[in-house]
Amino acid sequence: MTQDIEERRQLLRDYVKQQREALTKQQLRAASRDMCLLLESTPEYHHALHIGAYWPVRGEMDCTSIIEQSLRYNKHIYLPVVREADGTLDFAPYSRDMPMKENRFGIPEPDVDEGERVSPRNLDLVIVPLTVFDSHGHRLGMGGGHYDRTFAFLNEEPERVAPCLVGIAHEFQHTSDLPTHPWDVPLRMTVTEQQVWRPVAAATEDA
């Protein structure tokens, strides 16, 4: 069963990645602009002061506009830093003109001392990349499991209200029902260039 789930998830991942990487720069900019406007309109974003974001690569929905807007609003922005020991994420404070360095995946990270990093528990809202999402708040990432391991405490402490996990994606990355694992951490909402998706009643099937 697990192998079947992984095969289905990988097929979805590959299909969407091909579509995403075919987008032109103009299409990426337009989608990012519209997504950012919708995200800014949500109460979750309005009330968040400490926000985790990410540096987009390989056609991921670009959230640099929301990063810049957040800094103008005097919100605090943090970008993920991969912990080599276990693959979980810390979050490092980000500001304009901050020195960056590439991690082993070729993704830029703030070049700060480990003592300056922030625990994911201390963030109000985290903007999460994804390859596929569904109407129940399920998310499929790139396969590394970094976000699911990092935010596993949200499954263990369902009464927690923060951090609020927000996926951002292109509308074509939506699927009707995504095969999931019990350890997957659901999103509070997903924002595309067209709409804000809030989870409907969770699927009962342990896909």
Protein backbone atom coordinates (compact mmCIF):
# COMPACT_ATOMS: atom_id res chain seq x y z
CA MET A 1 0.00 0.00 0.00
CA THR A 2 2.77 2.45 0.93
CA GLN A 3 4.57 1.74 -2.34
CA ASP A 4 1.34 2.36 -4.26
CA ILE A 5 0.87 5.69 -2.46
CA GLU A 6 4.43 6.75 -3.26
CA GLU A 7 4.02 5.84 -6.92
CA ARG A 8 0.82 7.89 -7.19
CA ARG A 9 2.39 10.81 -5.37
CA GLN A 10 5.46 10.74 -7.60
CA LEU A 11 3.34 10.69 -10.76
CA LEU A 12 1.46 13.76 -9.53
CA ARG A 13 4.70 15.46 -8.55
CA ASP A 14 6.35 14.85 -11.92
CA TYR A 15 3.30 15.99 -13.88
CA VAL A 16 2.95 19.26 -12.00
CA LYS A 17 6.67 20.00 -12.03
CA GLN A 18 6.68 19.75 -15.84
CA GLN A 19 3.79 22.21 -16.06
CA ARG A 20 5.36 24.55 -13.54
CA GLU A 21 8.76 24.62 -15.15
CA ALA A 22 7.16 25.44 -18.54
CA LEU A 23 5.78 28.76 -17.25
CA THR A 24 7.25 31.94 -18.73
CA LYS A 25 8.74 34.66 -16.56
CA GLN A 26 5.74 36.84 -17.38
CA GLN A 27 3.32 34.11 -16.27
CA LEU A 28 5.27 33.58 -13.05
CA ARG A 29 5.27 37.31 -12.24
CA ALA A 30 1.54 37.69 -12.94
CA ALA A 31 0.64 34.65 -10.84
CA SER A 32 2.85 35.81 -7.98
CA ARG A 33 1.31 39.30 -8.03
CA ASP A 34 -2.25 37.98 -7.88
CA MET A 35 -1.43 35.38 -5.23
CA CYS A 36 0.25 37.99 -3.02
CA LEU A 37 -2.78 40.29 -3.21
CA LEU A 38 -5.05 37.44 -2.11
CA LEU A 39 -2.72 36.37 0.71
CA GLU A 40 -2.50 39.94 2.00
CA SER A 41 -6.29 40.06 2.22
CA THR A 42 -6.52 37.17 4.70
CA PRO A 43 -6.88 37.77 8.45
CA GLU A 44 -4.19 35.16 9.10
CA TYR A 45 -1.63 37.28 7.27
CA HIS A 46 -2.94 40.56 8.66
CA HIS A 47 -2.47 39.43 12.28
CA ALA A 48 0.90 37.69 11.77
CA LEU A 49 4.03 39.52 12.90
CA HIS A 50 6.66 36.77 12.61
CA ILE A 51 6.41 35.13 9.18
CA GLY A 52 8.36 32.24 7.73
CA ALA A 53 8.75 32.32 3.95
CA TYR A 54 11.02 30.65 1.39
CA TRP A 55 13.27 31.49 -1.55
CA PRO A 56 11.58 30.18 -4.74
CA VAL A 57 13.42 27.88 -7.12
CA ARG A 58 12.52 25.86 -10.24
CA GLY A 59 9.15 27.42 -10.96
CA GLU A 60 7.83 27.45 -7.40
CA MET A 61 5.24 30.11 -6.70
CA ASP A 62 7.29 33.26 -6.11
CA CYS A 63 6.70 34.80 -2.68
CA THR A 64 9.42 37.48 -2.88
CA SER A 65 6.74 40.14 -3.37
CA ILE A 66 5.05 39.18 -0.11
CA ILE A 67 8.46 39.17 1.58
CA GLU A 68 9.12 42.72 0.43
CA GLN A 69 5.62 43.88 1.32
CA SER A 70 5.90 42.31 4.76
CA LEU A 71 9.13 44.18 5.43
CA ARG A 72 7.40 47.41 4.43
CA TYR A 73 4.65 46.57 6.94
CA ASN A 74 7.36 46.11 9.61
CA LYS A 75 6.64 42.40 9.89
CA HIS A 76 9.58 40.09 10.62
CA ILE A 77 10.56 37.63 7.88
CA TYR A 78 12.45 34.37 8.38
CA LEU A 79 13.75 31.94 5.75
CA PRO A 80 14.33 28.20 6.30
CA VAL A 81 17.76 26.80 7.02
CA VAL A 82 18.17 23.01 6.74
CA ARG A 83 19.69 21.33 9.77
CA GLU A 84 22.18 18.83 8.39
CA ALA A 85 21.84 16.48 11.37
CA ASP A 86 18.19 15.53 10.85
CA GLY A 87 16.86 17.45 7.83
CA THR A 88 14.50 19.61 9.90
CA LEU A 89 14.31 23.37 9.45
CA ASP A 90 15.31 26.31 11.56
CA PHE A 91 14.31 29.78 10.43
CA ALA A 92 16.82 32.59 10.06
CA PRO A 93 15.89 36.29 10.14
CA TYR A 94 15.94 37.92 6.72
CA SER A 95 16.40 41.56 5.79
CA ARG A 96 17.21 43.44 2.61
CA ASP A 97 20.85 43.20 1.50
CA MET A 98 21.46 40.30 3.91
CA PRO A 99 24.32 38.02 2.81
CA MET A 100 23.04 34.68 1.52
CA LYS A 101 24.69 31.33 0.91
CA GLU A 102 23.49 28.28 -1.01
CA ASN A 103 22.71 25.09 0.86
CA ARG A 104 23.44 21.63 -0.53
CA PHE A 105 20.23 21.81 -2.59
CA GLY A 106 21.34 25.04 -4.28
CA ILE A 107 18.74 27.10 -2.39
CA PRO A 108 19.84 30.45 -0.88
CA GLU A 109 19.76 30.72 2.92
CA PRO A 110 20.55 33.71 5.17
CA ASP A 111 24.20 33.55 6.20
CA VAL A 112 23.76 33.93 9.96
CA ASP A 113 25.17 32.25 13.04
CA GLU A 114 23.23 29.31 14.43
CA GLY A 115 22.42 31.29 17.57
CA GLU A 116 20.42 33.80 15.51
CA ARG A 117 18.04 31.17 14.16
CA VAL A 118 14.44 30.95 15.36
CA SER A 119 12.47 27.85 16.29
CA PRO A 120 9.50 27.14 13.99
CA ARG A 121 7.36 27.11 17.17
CA ASN A 122 7.93 30.85 17.53
CA LEU A 123 6.48 31.84 14.16
CA ASP A 124 2.95 33.14 13.65
CA LEU A 125 2.56 32.11 10.02
CA VAL A 126 4.68 30.04 7.63
CA ILE A 127 4.41 30.26 3.86
CA VAL A 128 5.06 26.74 2.60
CA PRO A 129 6.13 25.63 -0.92
CA LEU A 130 4.43 22.64 -2.52
CA THR A 131 4.04 20.72 -5.75
CA VAL A 132 0.42 19.49 -5.33
CA PHE A 133 -2.41 20.27 -2.90
CA ASP A 134 -6.00 19.16 -2.46
CA SER A 135 -9.24 20.52 -1.02
CA HIS A 136 -8.65 18.92 2.39
CA GLY A 137 -5.48 20.85 3.27
CA HIS A 138 -3.13 18.06 2.20
CA ARG A 139 0.16 19.03 0.59
CA LEU A 140 2.74 17.21 -1.49
CA GLY A 141 6.25 18.67 -1.39
CA MET A 142 9.41 17.76 -3.24
CA GLY A 143 9.81 14.49 -1.35
CA GLY A 144 12.43 15.44 1.24
CA GLY A 145 9.98 15.60 4.13
CA HIS A 146 11.64 18.69 5.63
CA TYR A 147 8.40 20.53 6.41
CA ASP A 148 6.52 17.48 7.70
CA ARG A 149 9.37 16.64 10.12
CA THR A 150 9.77 20.26 11.19
CA PHE A 151 6.08 20.84 11.91
CA ALA A 152 5.20 17.38 13.21
CA PHE A 153 4.43 19.04 16.56
CA LEU A 154 1.28 20.50 15.00
CA ASN A 155 -0.10 16.97 14.58
CA GLU A 156 0.92 16.14 18.15
CA GLU A 157 -0.58 19.35 19.59
CA PRO A 158 -3.81 19.89 17.60
CA GLU A 159 -4.91 22.67 19.96
CA ARG A 160 -2.06 24.93 18.82
CA VAL A 161 -3.13 27.93 16.75
CA ALA A 162 0.38 28.93 15.64
CA PRO A 163 2.18 28.71 13.45
CA CYS A 164 -0.45 28.85 10.73
CA LEU A 165 0.83 26.89 7.71
CA VAL A 166 -0.14 28.50 4.41
CA GLY A 167 0.63 26.83 1.09
CA ILE A 168 1.06 28.96 -2.00
CA ALA A 169 0.75 27.50 -5.49
CA HIS A 170 -0.55 27.92 -8.99
CA GLU A 171 -4.18 26.92 -9.45
CA PHE A 172 -3.20 24.03 -11.75
CA GLN A 173 -1.37 22.43 -8.80
CA HIS A 174 -4.72 21.54 -7.21
CA THR A 175 -6.00 17.98 -7.35
CA SER A 176 -9.30 16.65 -6.07
CA ASP A 177 -7.88 14.17 -3.56
CA LEU A 178 -4.23 13.65 -2.74
CA PRO A 179 -2.98 10.28 -1.42
CA THR A 180 -1.56 10.96 2.05
CA HIS A 181 0.46 9.45 4.87
CA PRO A 182 -0.49 9.67 8.57
CA TRP A 183 2.56 11.83 9.30
CA ASP A 184 1.70 14.48 6.70
CA VAL A 185 1.08 17.88 8.32
CA PRO A 186 -1.99 19.64 6.88
CA LEU A 187 -2.16 23.25 5.76
CA ARG A 188 -4.51 25.81 7.30
CA MET A 189 -5.11 27.23 3.83
CA THR A 190 -3.62 27.40 0.34
CA VAL A 191 -3.51 30.56 -1.76
CA THR A 192 -3.26 30.53 -5.55
CA GLU A 193 -3.42 33.31 -8.10
CA GLN A 194 -7.18 32.71 -8.33
CA GLN A 195 -8.52 31.96 -4.86
CA VAL A 196 -7.97 31.11 -1.20
CA TRP A 197 -8.55 27.41 -0.56
CA ARG A 198 -9.61 26.56 2.99
CA PRO A 199 -9.89 22.86 3.85
CA VAL A 200 -13.24 21.19 3.55
CA ALA A 201 -14.02 18.35 5.96
CA ALA A 202 -10.99 16.09 6.01
CA ALA A 203 -11.17 12.89 4.02
CA THR A 204 -11.79 9.87 6.21
CA GLU A 205 -9.93 7.51 3.95
CA ASP A 206 -6.36 6.79 5.02
CA ALA A 207 -5.12 6.95 1.45
